[in-house]
């Protein structure tokens, strides 16, 4: 039965918003600002631009670091082949539980853990290498040494010809990528809050 009064309807709206992906994303930023780069999920323009250079026909394993509430997950799954896998890694247990509950796709795996341990994580799920790795983690605010460890581990697990796809609000992330990747293609997306730097770091 629908709420019978204005006060009843007002009580329903906050509860519904509190359980929404937007509210969960905001709570994640408040609890872990170092690990969540923004209080606003990425725009559809950024998502499309970031994924446009992926060779989906040759992709068997796509990995994402810091998926949050899954802003990129469904767009990736929509493009992914039926026999491919999307494996996401996040340190926040709330995000992982949300994704496992909301995404019902046999190609999807959500793991609570650190991106620096990507090699052990994908090996534990039966993979030798990843074709692409996507990250929106805020490298410039990560604890000392963590960004370097993630960049090195990512280069190690990528297949030849694969790429590390990174979107950031500061261009400094290139300093973490350059020691490991010789070819880095940059771009910029204005239609995002805030506007973002995009990088495709290729393992040639």
N, C-alpha and C. Protein backbone atom coordinates (compact mmCIF):
# COMPACT_ATOMS: atom_id res chain seq x y z
N UNK A 1 0.84 -1.18 0.00
CA UNK A 1 0.00 0.00 0.00
C UNK A 1 0.89 1.24 0.00
N UNK A 2 0.61 2.27 -0.85
CA UNK A 2 1.45 3.45 -0.91
C UNK A 2 1.32 4.27 0.35
N UNK A 3 2.33 5.12 0.65
CA UNK A 3 2.25 5.95 1.84
C UNK A 3 0.99 6.80 1.82
N UNK A 4 0.34 6.96 3.00
CA UNK A 4 -0.95 7.63 3.06
C UNK A 4 -0.85 9.10 3.40
N UNK A 5 0.34 9.60 3.68
CA UNK A 5 0.47 10.99 4.03
C UNK A 5 1.76 11.55 3.49
N UNK A 6 1.85 12.90 3.49
CA UNK A 6 3.05 13.57 3.02
C UNK A 6 4.26 13.17 3.85
N UNK A 7 4.10 13.03 5.16
CA UNK A 7 5.21 12.65 6.02
C UNK A 7 5.68 11.24 5.72
N UNK A 8 4.73 10.34 5.39
CA UNK A 8 5.11 8.97 5.03
C UNK A 8 5.95 8.97 3.76
N UNK A 9 5.51 9.76 2.76
CA UNK A 9 6.24 9.82 1.49
C UNK A 9 7.62 10.43 1.69
N UNK A 10 7.72 11.43 2.54
CA UNK A 10 9.01 12.05 2.82
C UNK A 10 9.96 11.08 3.50
N UNK A 11 9.41 10.18 4.31
CA UNK A 11 10.24 9.20 5.00
C UNK A 11 10.78 8.16 4.04
N UNK A 12 10.00 7.84 3.00
CA UNK A 12 10.41 6.82 2.04
C UNK A 12 11.57 7.33 1.18
N UNK A 13 11.50 8.59 0.74
CA UNK A 13 12.51 9.12 -0.16
C UNK A 13 13.92 9.07 0.42
N UNK A 14 14.15 9.53 1.66
CA UNK A 14 15.51 9.44 2.21
C UNK A 14 16.02 8.02 2.30
N UNK A 15 15.16 7.07 2.68
CA UNK A 15 15.62 5.69 2.78
C UNK A 15 16.03 5.16 1.40
N UNK A 16 15.22 5.51 0.38
CA UNK A 16 15.54 5.05 -0.97
C UNK A 16 16.85 5.66 -1.44
N UNK A 17 17.07 6.95 -1.17
CA UNK A 17 18.30 7.60 -1.59
C UNK A 17 19.50 7.04 -0.84
N UNK A 18 19.33 6.74 0.45
CA UNK A 18 20.44 6.22 1.26
C UNK A 18 20.96 4.89 0.72
N UNK A 19 20.10 4.13 0.03
CA UNK A 19 20.49 2.83 -0.51
C UNK A 19 20.88 2.91 -1.98
N UNK A 20 20.89 4.12 -2.55
CA UNK A 20 21.19 4.28 -3.97
C UNK A 20 22.70 4.20 -4.21
N UNK A 21 23.10 3.90 -5.46
CA UNK A 21 24.53 3.89 -5.78
C UNK A 21 25.20 5.24 -5.52
N UNK A 22 24.46 6.33 -5.79
CA UNK A 22 25.05 7.66 -5.57
C UNK A 22 25.38 7.87 -4.10
N UNK A 23 24.46 7.47 -3.21
CA UNK A 23 24.70 7.64 -1.78
C UNK A 23 25.85 6.74 -1.32
N UNK A 24 25.91 5.53 -1.85
CA UNK A 24 26.99 4.61 -1.48
C UNK A 24 28.34 5.16 -1.94
N UNK A 25 28.35 5.74 -3.14
CA UNK A 25 29.57 6.33 -3.68
C UNK A 25 30.05 7.47 -2.78
N UNK A 26 29.11 8.32 -2.34
CA UNK A 26 29.45 9.44 -1.46
C UNK A 26 29.98 8.93 -0.12
N UNK A 27 29.32 7.90 0.44
CA UNK A 27 29.79 7.35 1.71
C UNK A 27 31.18 6.76 1.57
N UNK A 28 31.44 6.11 0.42
CA UNK A 28 32.76 5.54 0.18
C UNK A 28 33.82 6.61 0.13
N UNK A 29 33.49 7.75 -0.48
CA UNK A 29 34.46 8.85 -0.55
C UNK A 29 34.73 9.42 0.83
N UNK A 30 33.68 9.56 1.64
CA UNK A 30 33.84 10.12 2.98
C UNK A 30 34.67 9.20 3.86
N UNK A 31 34.44 7.88 3.75
CA UNK A 31 35.16 6.92 4.58
C UNK A 31 36.59 6.69 4.11
N UNK A 32 36.78 6.70 2.77
CA UNK A 32 38.10 6.38 2.22
C UNK A 32 38.47 7.38 1.13
N UNK A 33 38.65 8.67 1.47
CA UNK A 33 38.95 9.68 0.44
C UNK A 33 40.24 9.43 -0.31
N UNK A 34 41.20 8.75 0.32
CA UNK A 34 42.47 8.47 -0.34
C UNK A 34 42.30 7.46 -1.47
N UNK A 35 41.31 6.57 -1.35
CA UNK A 35 41.12 5.50 -2.33
C UNK A 35 40.03 5.81 -3.35
N UNK A 36 39.19 6.80 -3.08
CA UNK A 36 38.11 7.18 -4.00
C UNK A 36 38.42 8.57 -4.52
N UNK A 37 38.57 8.69 -5.83
CA UNK A 37 39.06 9.94 -6.38
C UNK A 37 38.07 11.07 -6.47
N UNK A 38 36.77 10.79 -6.40
CA UNK A 38 35.77 11.83 -6.59
C UNK A 38 34.49 11.45 -5.86
N UNK A 39 33.67 12.48 -5.56
CA UNK A 39 32.37 12.20 -4.96
C UNK A 39 31.30 12.00 -6.03
N UNK A 40 31.67 12.15 -7.30
CA UNK A 40 30.73 12.03 -8.42
C UNK A 40 31.20 10.92 -9.36
N UNK A 41 30.36 9.95 -9.70
CA UNK A 41 30.76 8.91 -10.65
C UNK A 41 31.11 9.48 -12.01
N UNK A 42 31.89 8.75 -12.78
CA UNK A 42 32.33 9.21 -14.10
C UNK A 42 31.17 9.42 -15.05
N UNK A 43 31.33 10.37 -15.98
CA UNK A 43 30.29 10.66 -16.96
C UNK A 43 30.27 9.61 -18.06
N UNK A 44 29.15 9.54 -18.77
CA UNK A 44 29.04 8.60 -19.89
C UNK A 44 30.01 8.95 -21.01
N UNK A 45 30.30 10.24 -21.17
CA UNK A 45 31.27 10.66 -22.19
C UNK A 45 32.66 10.13 -21.85
N UNK A 46 33.03 10.23 -20.59
CA UNK A 46 34.34 9.72 -20.17
C UNK A 46 34.42 8.22 -20.36
N UNK A 47 33.37 7.51 -19.95
CA UNK A 47 33.35 6.06 -20.07
C UNK A 47 33.54 5.63 -21.52
N UNK A 48 32.76 6.23 -22.43
CA UNK A 48 32.83 5.86 -23.85
C UNK A 48 34.21 6.15 -24.43
N UNK A 49 34.77 7.30 -24.06
CA UNK A 49 36.09 7.67 -24.59
C UNK A 49 37.17 6.75 -24.05
N UNK A 50 37.10 6.40 -22.77
CA UNK A 50 38.10 5.56 -22.15
C UNK A 50 38.11 4.16 -22.75
N UNK A 51 36.94 3.65 -23.10
CA UNK A 51 36.81 2.27 -23.60
C UNK A 51 36.91 2.16 -25.11
N UNK A 52 36.97 3.28 -25.80
CA UNK A 52 36.89 3.26 -27.27
C UNK A 52 38.07 2.57 -27.93
N UNK A 53 39.22 2.53 -27.26
CA UNK A 53 40.41 1.97 -27.89
C UNK A 53 40.67 0.51 -27.52
N UNK A 54 39.73 -0.10 -26.84
CA UNK A 54 39.85 -1.52 -26.48
C UNK A 54 39.48 -2.39 -27.67
N UNK A 55 40.30 -3.40 -27.94
CA UNK A 55 39.99 -4.39 -28.97
C UNK A 55 39.18 -5.49 -28.30
N UNK A 56 37.86 -5.33 -28.32
CA UNK A 56 36.98 -6.24 -27.58
C UNK A 56 37.00 -7.66 -28.13
N UNK A 57 37.24 -7.80 -29.42
CA UNK A 57 37.27 -9.12 -30.02
C UNK A 57 38.42 -9.98 -29.54
N UNK A 58 39.48 -9.35 -29.04
CA UNK A 58 40.66 -10.08 -28.56
C UNK A 58 40.77 -10.07 -27.03
N UNK A 59 39.75 -9.56 -26.38
CA UNK A 59 39.81 -9.43 -24.92
C UNK A 59 39.20 -10.65 -24.24
N UNK A 60 40.00 -11.32 -23.44
CA UNK A 60 39.53 -12.47 -22.66
C UNK A 60 39.40 -12.13 -21.18
N UNK A 61 40.32 -11.28 -20.69
CA UNK A 61 40.24 -10.84 -19.30
C UNK A 61 40.42 -9.33 -19.24
N UNK A 62 39.41 -8.67 -18.70
CA UNK A 62 39.45 -7.23 -18.46
C UNK A 62 39.41 -7.04 -16.94
N UNK A 63 40.36 -6.27 -16.41
CA UNK A 63 40.45 -6.04 -14.97
C UNK A 63 40.19 -4.57 -14.68
N UNK A 64 39.44 -4.29 -13.62
CA UNK A 64 39.23 -2.91 -13.18
C UNK A 64 39.63 -2.76 -11.73
N UNK A 65 40.40 -1.72 -11.44
CA UNK A 65 40.76 -1.37 -10.07
C UNK A 65 39.79 -0.29 -9.57
N UNK A 66 39.31 -0.47 -8.35
CA UNK A 66 38.45 0.56 -7.75
C UNK A 66 37.15 0.78 -8.49
N UNK A 67 36.36 -0.26 -8.71
CA UNK A 67 35.11 -0.11 -9.48
C UNK A 67 34.05 0.71 -8.77
N UNK A 68 34.19 0.90 -7.46
CA UNK A 68 33.18 1.66 -6.73
C UNK A 68 31.83 1.00 -6.81
N UNK A 69 30.82 1.76 -7.24
CA UNK A 69 29.46 1.23 -7.34
C UNK A 69 29.19 0.62 -8.72
N UNK A 70 30.22 0.53 -9.56
CA UNK A 70 30.05 -0.17 -10.84
C UNK A 70 29.75 0.72 -12.02
N UNK A 71 30.18 1.97 -11.99
CA UNK A 71 29.89 2.89 -13.09
C UNK A 71 30.40 2.38 -14.43
N UNK A 72 31.57 1.77 -14.44
CA UNK A 72 32.14 1.22 -15.67
C UNK A 72 31.72 -0.22 -15.94
N UNK A 73 31.25 -0.92 -14.91
CA UNK A 73 31.06 -2.37 -15.04
C UNK A 73 30.08 -2.76 -16.14
N UNK A 74 28.89 -2.17 -16.14
CA UNK A 74 27.91 -2.56 -17.16
C UNK A 74 28.34 -2.16 -18.56
N UNK A 75 28.89 -0.94 -18.76
CA UNK A 75 29.41 -0.62 -20.10
C UNK A 75 30.47 -1.60 -20.58
N UNK A 76 31.32 -2.07 -19.68
CA UNK A 76 32.33 -3.06 -20.07
C UNK A 76 31.66 -4.38 -20.43
N UNK A 77 30.74 -4.83 -19.58
CA UNK A 77 30.05 -6.10 -19.84
C UNK A 77 29.25 -6.03 -21.14
N UNK A 78 28.69 -4.88 -21.45
CA UNK A 78 27.93 -4.72 -22.70
C UNK A 78 28.82 -4.91 -23.92
N UNK A 79 30.10 -4.63 -23.80
CA UNK A 79 31.04 -4.73 -24.91
C UNK A 79 31.81 -6.04 -24.91
N UNK A 80 31.84 -6.72 -23.79
CA UNK A 80 32.67 -7.91 -23.61
C UNK A 80 32.08 -9.12 -24.33
N UNK A 81 32.96 -9.97 -24.87
CA UNK A 81 32.52 -11.19 -25.56
C UNK A 81 31.87 -12.16 -24.56
N UNK A 82 31.02 -13.07 -25.05
CA UNK A 82 30.34 -14.01 -24.16
C UNK A 82 31.28 -14.92 -23.37
N UNK A 83 32.47 -15.18 -23.90
CA UNK A 83 33.40 -16.08 -23.20
C UNK A 83 34.51 -15.32 -22.47
N UNK A 84 34.38 -14.01 -22.34
CA UNK A 84 35.38 -13.21 -21.65
C UNK A 84 34.97 -12.95 -20.21
N UNK A 85 35.88 -12.36 -19.43
CA UNK A 85 35.64 -12.13 -18.00
C UNK A 85 36.01 -10.70 -17.62
N UNK A 86 35.18 -10.12 -16.77
CA UNK A 86 35.49 -8.84 -16.12
C UNK A 86 35.75 -9.14 -14.66
N UNK A 87 36.97 -8.85 -14.21
CA UNK A 87 37.35 -9.05 -12.81
C UNK A 87 37.66 -7.69 -12.20
N UNK A 88 36.95 -7.35 -11.12
CA UNK A 88 37.15 -6.05 -10.49
C UNK A 88 37.73 -6.25 -9.09
N UNK A 89 38.58 -5.29 -8.68
CA UNK A 89 39.27 -5.37 -7.40
C UNK A 89 39.05 -4.06 -6.65
N UNK A 90 38.59 -4.17 -5.42
CA UNK A 90 38.37 -2.98 -4.59
C UNK A 90 38.68 -3.31 -3.14
N UNK A 91 39.26 -2.36 -2.42
CA UNK A 91 39.56 -2.58 -1.00
C UNK A 91 38.35 -2.35 -0.12
N UNK A 92 37.30 -1.71 -0.65
CA UNK A 92 36.12 -1.36 0.14
C UNK A 92 35.12 -2.52 0.14
N UNK A 93 34.88 -3.17 1.27
CA UNK A 93 33.95 -4.31 1.28
C UNK A 93 32.52 -3.92 0.96
N UNK A 94 32.12 -2.68 1.25
CA UNK A 94 30.76 -2.23 0.93
C UNK A 94 30.54 -2.22 -0.57
N UNK A 95 31.54 -1.72 -1.32
CA UNK A 95 31.42 -1.70 -2.77
C UNK A 95 31.37 -3.13 -3.34
N UNK A 96 32.22 -4.00 -2.82
CA UNK A 96 32.25 -5.38 -3.32
C UNK A 96 30.92 -6.08 -3.07
N UNK A 97 30.37 -5.93 -1.89
CA UNK A 97 29.08 -6.54 -1.58
C UNK A 97 27.98 -6.00 -2.48
N UNK A 98 28.01 -4.69 -2.71
CA UNK A 98 27.02 -4.06 -3.60
C UNK A 98 27.11 -4.63 -5.01
N UNK A 99 28.31 -4.74 -5.54
CA UNK A 99 28.49 -5.24 -6.90
C UNK A 99 28.08 -6.71 -7.02
N UNK A 100 28.43 -7.52 -6.05
CA UNK A 100 28.03 -8.93 -6.10
C UNK A 100 26.52 -9.08 -6.04
N UNK A 101 25.88 -8.18 -5.33
CA UNK A 101 24.43 -8.23 -5.20
C UNK A 101 23.72 -7.72 -6.46
N UNK A 102 24.28 -6.67 -7.08
CA UNK A 102 23.58 -6.00 -8.17
C UNK A 102 23.91 -6.56 -9.56
N UNK A 103 25.10 -7.09 -9.75
CA UNK A 103 25.49 -7.54 -11.09
C UNK A 103 25.39 -9.06 -11.16
N UNK A 104 24.40 -9.50 -11.88
CA UNK A 104 24.16 -10.95 -12.05
C UNK A 104 24.61 -11.36 -13.44
N UNK A 105 25.88 -11.58 -13.61
CA UNK A 105 26.44 -11.92 -14.91
C UNK A 105 27.55 -12.94 -14.66
N UNK A 106 27.48 -14.07 -15.34
CA UNK A 106 28.45 -15.13 -15.11
C UNK A 106 29.87 -14.73 -15.51
N UNK A 107 30.00 -13.65 -16.28
CA UNK A 107 31.32 -13.18 -16.71
C UNK A 107 31.95 -12.23 -15.70
N UNK A 108 31.27 -11.96 -14.60
CA UNK A 108 31.70 -10.93 -13.65
C UNK A 108 32.22 -11.54 -12.35
N UNK A 109 33.39 -11.06 -11.91
CA UNK A 109 34.00 -11.49 -10.64
C UNK A 109 34.39 -10.24 -9.86
N UNK A 110 33.96 -10.14 -8.62
CA UNK A 110 34.32 -9.02 -7.75
C UNK A 110 35.17 -9.53 -6.60
N UNK A 111 36.33 -8.93 -6.40
CA UNK A 111 37.28 -9.38 -5.39
C UNK A 111 37.64 -8.23 -4.46
N UNK A 112 37.56 -8.49 -3.16
CA UNK A 112 38.05 -7.50 -2.20
C UNK A 112 39.54 -7.72 -2.01
N UNK A 113 40.32 -6.69 -2.32
CA UNK A 113 41.76 -6.81 -2.21
C UNK A 113 42.45 -5.58 -2.74
N UNK A 114 43.77 -5.64 -2.83
CA UNK A 114 44.58 -4.52 -3.30
C UNK A 114 44.98 -4.73 -4.76
N UNK A 115 44.95 -3.65 -5.52
CA UNK A 115 45.38 -3.70 -6.91
C UNK A 115 46.85 -4.11 -7.03
N UNK A 116 47.64 -3.82 -6.00
CA UNK A 116 49.05 -4.21 -6.03
C UNK A 116 49.22 -5.73 -6.05
N UNK A 117 48.17 -6.46 -5.65
CA UNK A 117 48.21 -7.92 -5.64
C UNK A 117 47.52 -8.53 -6.85
N UNK A 118 47.41 -7.76 -7.93
CA UNK A 118 46.65 -8.21 -9.09
C UNK A 118 47.17 -9.52 -9.66
N UNK A 119 48.48 -9.74 -9.67
CA UNK A 119 49.02 -10.98 -10.23
C UNK A 119 48.51 -12.20 -9.48
N UNK A 120 48.55 -12.14 -8.16
CA UNK A 120 48.06 -13.27 -7.35
C UNK A 120 46.56 -13.43 -7.49
N UNK A 121 45.85 -12.32 -7.61
CA UNK A 121 44.39 -12.39 -7.70
C UNK A 121 43.94 -13.04 -9.00
N UNK A 122 44.51 -12.61 -10.12
CA UNK A 122 44.05 -13.20 -11.38
C UNK A 122 44.52 -14.65 -11.49
N UNK A 123 45.71 -14.96 -10.95
CA UNK A 123 46.18 -16.35 -10.96
C UNK A 123 45.25 -17.23 -10.14
N UNK A 124 44.75 -16.68 -9.04
CA UNK A 124 43.83 -17.43 -8.19
C UNK A 124 42.51 -17.73 -8.86
N UNK A 125 42.21 -17.00 -9.93
CA UNK A 125 40.98 -17.25 -10.69
C UNK A 125 41.27 -17.92 -12.03
N UNK A 126 42.49 -18.44 -12.18
CA UNK A 126 42.81 -19.26 -13.34
C UNK A 126 43.32 -18.53 -14.57
N UNK A 127 43.78 -17.26 -14.41
CA UNK A 127 44.26 -16.50 -15.55
C UNK A 127 45.77 -16.27 -15.44
N UNK A 128 46.42 -16.26 -16.60
CA UNK A 128 47.86 -15.99 -16.65
C UNK A 128 48.14 -14.51 -16.84
N UNK A 129 47.26 -13.82 -17.55
CA UNK A 129 47.49 -12.42 -17.87
C UNK A 129 46.17 -11.72 -18.14
N UNK A 130 46.21 -10.39 -18.12
CA UNK A 130 45.04 -9.57 -18.44
C UNK A 130 45.29 -8.87 -19.77
N UNK A 131 44.23 -8.67 -20.55
CA UNK A 131 44.37 -7.95 -21.82
C UNK A 131 44.30 -6.45 -21.61
N UNK A 132 43.46 -6.02 -20.68
CA UNK A 132 43.35 -4.60 -20.35
C UNK A 132 43.11 -4.46 -18.85
N UNK A 133 43.64 -3.38 -18.31
CA UNK A 133 43.39 -3.04 -16.91
C UNK A 133 42.94 -1.58 -16.87
N UNK A 134 41.86 -1.31 -16.18
CA UNK A 134 41.30 0.03 -16.06
C UNK A 134 41.42 0.49 -14.61
N UNK A 135 41.77 1.77 -14.43
CA UNK A 135 41.88 2.28 -13.07
C UNK A 135 41.48 3.75 -12.98
N UNK A 136 40.67 4.06 -11.96
CA UNK A 136 40.38 5.43 -11.61
C UNK A 136 40.91 5.76 -10.23
N UNK A 137 41.75 4.88 -9.69
CA UNK A 137 42.33 5.13 -8.37
C UNK A 137 43.14 6.43 -8.38
N UNK A 138 43.04 7.24 -7.36
CA UNK A 138 43.77 8.52 -7.32
C UNK A 138 45.24 8.32 -6.95
N UNK A 139 46.07 8.05 -7.94
CA UNK A 139 47.47 7.72 -7.69
C UNK A 139 48.19 8.77 -6.85
N UNK A 140 47.87 10.04 -7.07
CA UNK A 140 48.61 11.11 -6.39
C UNK A 140 48.33 11.18 -4.90
N UNK A 141 47.25 10.55 -4.43
CA UNK A 141 46.93 10.59 -2.99
C UNK A 141 47.09 9.24 -2.31
N UNK A 142 47.53 8.22 -3.04
CA UNK A 142 47.74 6.92 -2.44
C UNK A 142 48.94 6.98 -1.49
N UNK A 143 48.97 6.10 -0.49
CA UNK A 143 50.13 6.08 0.42
C UNK A 143 51.44 5.90 -0.36
N UNK A 144 52.55 6.42 0.16
CA UNK A 144 53.84 6.32 -0.54
C UNK A 144 54.17 4.88 -0.94
N UNK A 145 54.57 4.72 -2.18
CA UNK A 145 54.98 3.41 -2.68
C UNK A 145 53.86 2.60 -3.29
N UNK A 146 52.60 2.90 -2.93
CA UNK A 146 51.48 2.08 -3.42
C UNK A 146 51.25 2.30 -4.91
N UNK A 147 51.28 3.56 -5.35
CA UNK A 147 51.08 3.84 -6.76
C UNK A 147 52.14 3.19 -7.63
N UNK A 148 53.38 3.27 -7.20
CA UNK A 148 54.48 2.63 -7.94
C UNK A 148 54.29 1.11 -8.00
N UNK A 149 53.88 0.53 -6.88
CA UNK A 149 53.68 -0.93 -6.83
C UNK A 149 52.55 -1.35 -7.76
N UNK A 150 51.48 -0.57 -7.81
CA UNK A 150 50.35 -0.89 -8.69
C UNK A 150 50.75 -0.79 -10.15
N UNK A 151 51.48 0.27 -10.51
CA UNK A 151 51.91 0.42 -11.91
C UNK A 151 52.82 -0.72 -12.33
N UNK A 152 53.76 -1.10 -11.46
CA UNK A 152 54.68 -2.20 -11.78
C UNK A 152 53.94 -3.52 -11.91
N UNK A 153 53.03 -3.79 -10.97
CA UNK A 153 52.27 -5.04 -11.00
C UNK A 153 51.39 -5.11 -12.24
N UNK A 154 50.84 -3.98 -12.63
CA UNK A 154 49.96 -3.96 -13.81
C UNK A 154 50.74 -4.26 -15.07
N UNK A 155 51.91 -3.66 -15.21
CA UNK A 155 52.74 -3.95 -16.38
C UNK A 155 53.07 -5.43 -16.45
N UNK A 156 53.34 -6.03 -15.31
CA UNK A 156 53.70 -7.45 -15.27
C UNK A 156 52.56 -8.34 -15.74
N UNK A 157 51.33 -8.05 -15.33
CA UNK A 157 50.21 -8.95 -15.65
C UNK A 157 49.62 -8.72 -17.03
N UNK A 158 49.94 -7.61 -17.66
CA UNK A 158 49.36 -7.35 -18.98
C UNK A 158 49.96 -8.24 -20.07
N UNK A 159 49.11 -8.68 -20.98
CA UNK A 159 49.59 -9.40 -22.16
C UNK A 159 50.27 -8.42 -23.11
N UNK A 160 51.24 -8.88 -23.92
CA UNK A 160 51.83 -7.99 -24.93
C UNK A 160 50.73 -7.43 -25.84
N UNK A 161 50.78 -6.12 -26.05
CA UNK A 161 49.74 -5.46 -26.84
C UNK A 161 48.59 -4.96 -26.01
N UNK A 162 48.57 -5.33 -24.73
CA UNK A 162 47.51 -4.86 -23.84
C UNK A 162 47.80 -3.46 -23.34
N UNK A 163 46.86 -2.92 -22.57
CA UNK A 163 47.02 -1.54 -22.11
C UNK A 163 46.46 -1.34 -20.71
N UNK A 164 47.08 -0.39 -20.02
CA UNK A 164 46.61 0.09 -18.73
C UNK A 164 45.86 1.39 -18.98
N UNK A 165 44.56 1.38 -18.77
CA UNK A 165 43.69 2.52 -19.03
C UNK A 165 43.48 3.27 -17.71
N UNK A 166 43.89 4.53 -17.68
CA UNK A 166 43.86 5.30 -16.44
C UNK A 166 43.17 6.63 -16.66
N UNK A 167 42.23 6.96 -15.79
CA UNK A 167 41.61 8.29 -15.82
C UNK A 167 41.81 8.93 -14.45
N UNK A 168 42.28 10.19 -14.46
CA UNK A 168 42.68 10.89 -13.25
C UNK A 168 42.30 12.37 -13.36
N UNK A 169 42.26 13.03 -12.24
CA UNK A 169 41.99 14.47 -12.24
C UNK A 169 43.29 15.27 -12.19
N UNK A 170 44.42 14.59 -12.04
CA UNK A 170 45.73 15.21 -12.08
C UNK A 170 46.60 14.45 -13.06
N UNK A 171 47.38 15.19 -13.85
CA UNK A 171 48.23 14.55 -14.86
C UNK A 171 49.44 13.86 -14.25
N UNK A 172 49.65 14.03 -12.96
CA UNK A 172 50.84 13.47 -12.31
C UNK A 172 50.91 11.94 -12.39
N UNK A 173 49.78 11.31 -12.67
CA UNK A 173 49.79 9.85 -12.75
C UNK A 173 50.78 9.35 -13.79
N UNK A 174 51.07 10.19 -14.78
CA UNK A 174 52.04 9.79 -15.81
C UNK A 174 53.41 9.48 -15.20
N UNK A 175 53.75 10.14 -14.09
CA UNK A 175 55.03 9.87 -13.42
C UNK A 175 55.10 8.44 -12.89
N UNK A 176 53.93 7.88 -12.54
CA UNK A 176 53.89 6.50 -12.06
C UNK A 176 53.95 5.50 -13.23
N UNK A 177 53.42 5.90 -14.37
CA UNK A 177 53.36 5.00 -15.53
C UNK A 177 54.66 4.95 -16.31
N UNK A 178 55.33 6.10 -16.44
CA UNK A 178 56.49 6.22 -17.33
C UNK A 178 57.63 5.24 -17.03
N UNK A 179 57.93 4.91 -15.77
CA UNK A 179 59.02 3.95 -15.53
C UNK A 179 58.75 2.55 -16.07
N UNK A 180 57.49 2.25 -16.37
CA UNK A 180 57.13 0.89 -16.76
C UNK A 180 56.60 0.79 -18.19
N UNK A 181 56.05 1.88 -18.71
CA UNK A 181 55.44 1.86 -20.04
C UNK A 181 56.12 2.89 -20.94
N UNK A 182 56.61 2.45 -22.09
CA UNK A 182 57.31 3.36 -23.00
C UNK A 182 56.34 4.12 -23.90
N UNK A 183 55.17 3.57 -24.16
CA UNK A 183 54.18 4.24 -25.01
C UNK A 183 52.97 4.61 -24.16
N UNK A 184 52.74 5.88 -23.99
CA UNK A 184 51.60 6.38 -23.20
C UNK A 184 50.86 7.41 -24.03
N UNK A 185 49.62 7.13 -24.38
CA UNK A 185 48.81 8.05 -25.17
C UNK A 185 47.89 8.84 -24.24
N UNK A 186 47.98 10.18 -24.26
CA UNK A 186 47.15 10.99 -23.38
C UNK A 186 45.92 11.56 -24.09
N UNK A 187 44.93 11.94 -23.29
CA UNK A 187 43.75 12.65 -23.79
C UNK A 187 43.15 13.41 -22.61
N UNK A 188 42.11 14.17 -22.90
CA UNK A 188 41.46 14.94 -21.85
C UNK A 188 39.96 14.96 -22.11
N UNK A 189 39.18 14.81 -21.05
CA UNK A 189 37.71 14.82 -21.18
C UNK A 189 37.13 15.95 -20.33
N UNK A 190 36.60 16.96 -21.02
CA UNK A 190 36.01 18.11 -20.33
C UNK A 190 34.65 17.77 -19.73
N UNK A 191 33.91 16.86 -20.41
CA UNK A 191 32.55 16.55 -19.97
C UNK A 191 32.57 15.53 -18.84
N UNK A 192 33.09 15.95 -17.72
CA UNK A 192 33.14 15.13 -16.52
C UNK A 192 33.26 16.08 -15.34
N UNK A 193 32.87 15.60 -14.15
CA UNK A 193 32.98 16.42 -12.94
C UNK A 193 33.90 15.73 -11.94
N UNK A 194 35.14 16.27 -11.74
CA UNK A 194 35.75 17.34 -12.55
C UNK A 194 36.28 16.80 -13.87
N UNK A 195 36.69 17.68 -14.80
CA UNK A 195 37.33 17.21 -16.04
C UNK A 195 38.51 16.30 -15.73
N UNK A 196 38.75 15.35 -16.62
CA UNK A 196 39.72 14.30 -16.30
C UNK A 196 40.79 14.11 -17.37
N UNK A 197 41.97 13.73 -16.92
CA UNK A 197 43.05 13.30 -17.80
C UNK A 197 42.88 11.81 -18.06
N UNK A 198 43.05 11.40 -19.30
CA UNK A 198 42.94 10.00 -19.69
C UNK A 198 44.28 9.53 -20.26
N UNK A 199 44.68 8.33 -19.90
CA UNK A 199 45.93 7.76 -20.40
C UNK A 199 45.71 6.31 -20.82
N UNK A 200 46.33 5.94 -21.94
CA UNK A 200 46.40 4.55 -22.38
C UNK A 200 47.88 4.17 -22.40
N UNK A 201 48.32 3.39 -21.44
CA UNK A 201 49.72 2.97 -21.34
C UNK A 201 49.83 1.56 -21.92
N UNK A 202 50.55 1.42 -23.02
CA UNK A 202 50.57 0.17 -23.78
C UNK A 202 51.78 -0.68 -23.44
N UNK A 203 51.54 -1.98 -23.37
CA UNK A 203 52.65 -2.93 -23.21
C UNK A 203 52.99 -3.48 -24.58
N UNK A 204 54.01 -2.91 -25.21
CA UNK A 204 54.37 -3.30 -26.59
C UNK A 204 55.21 -4.57 -26.59
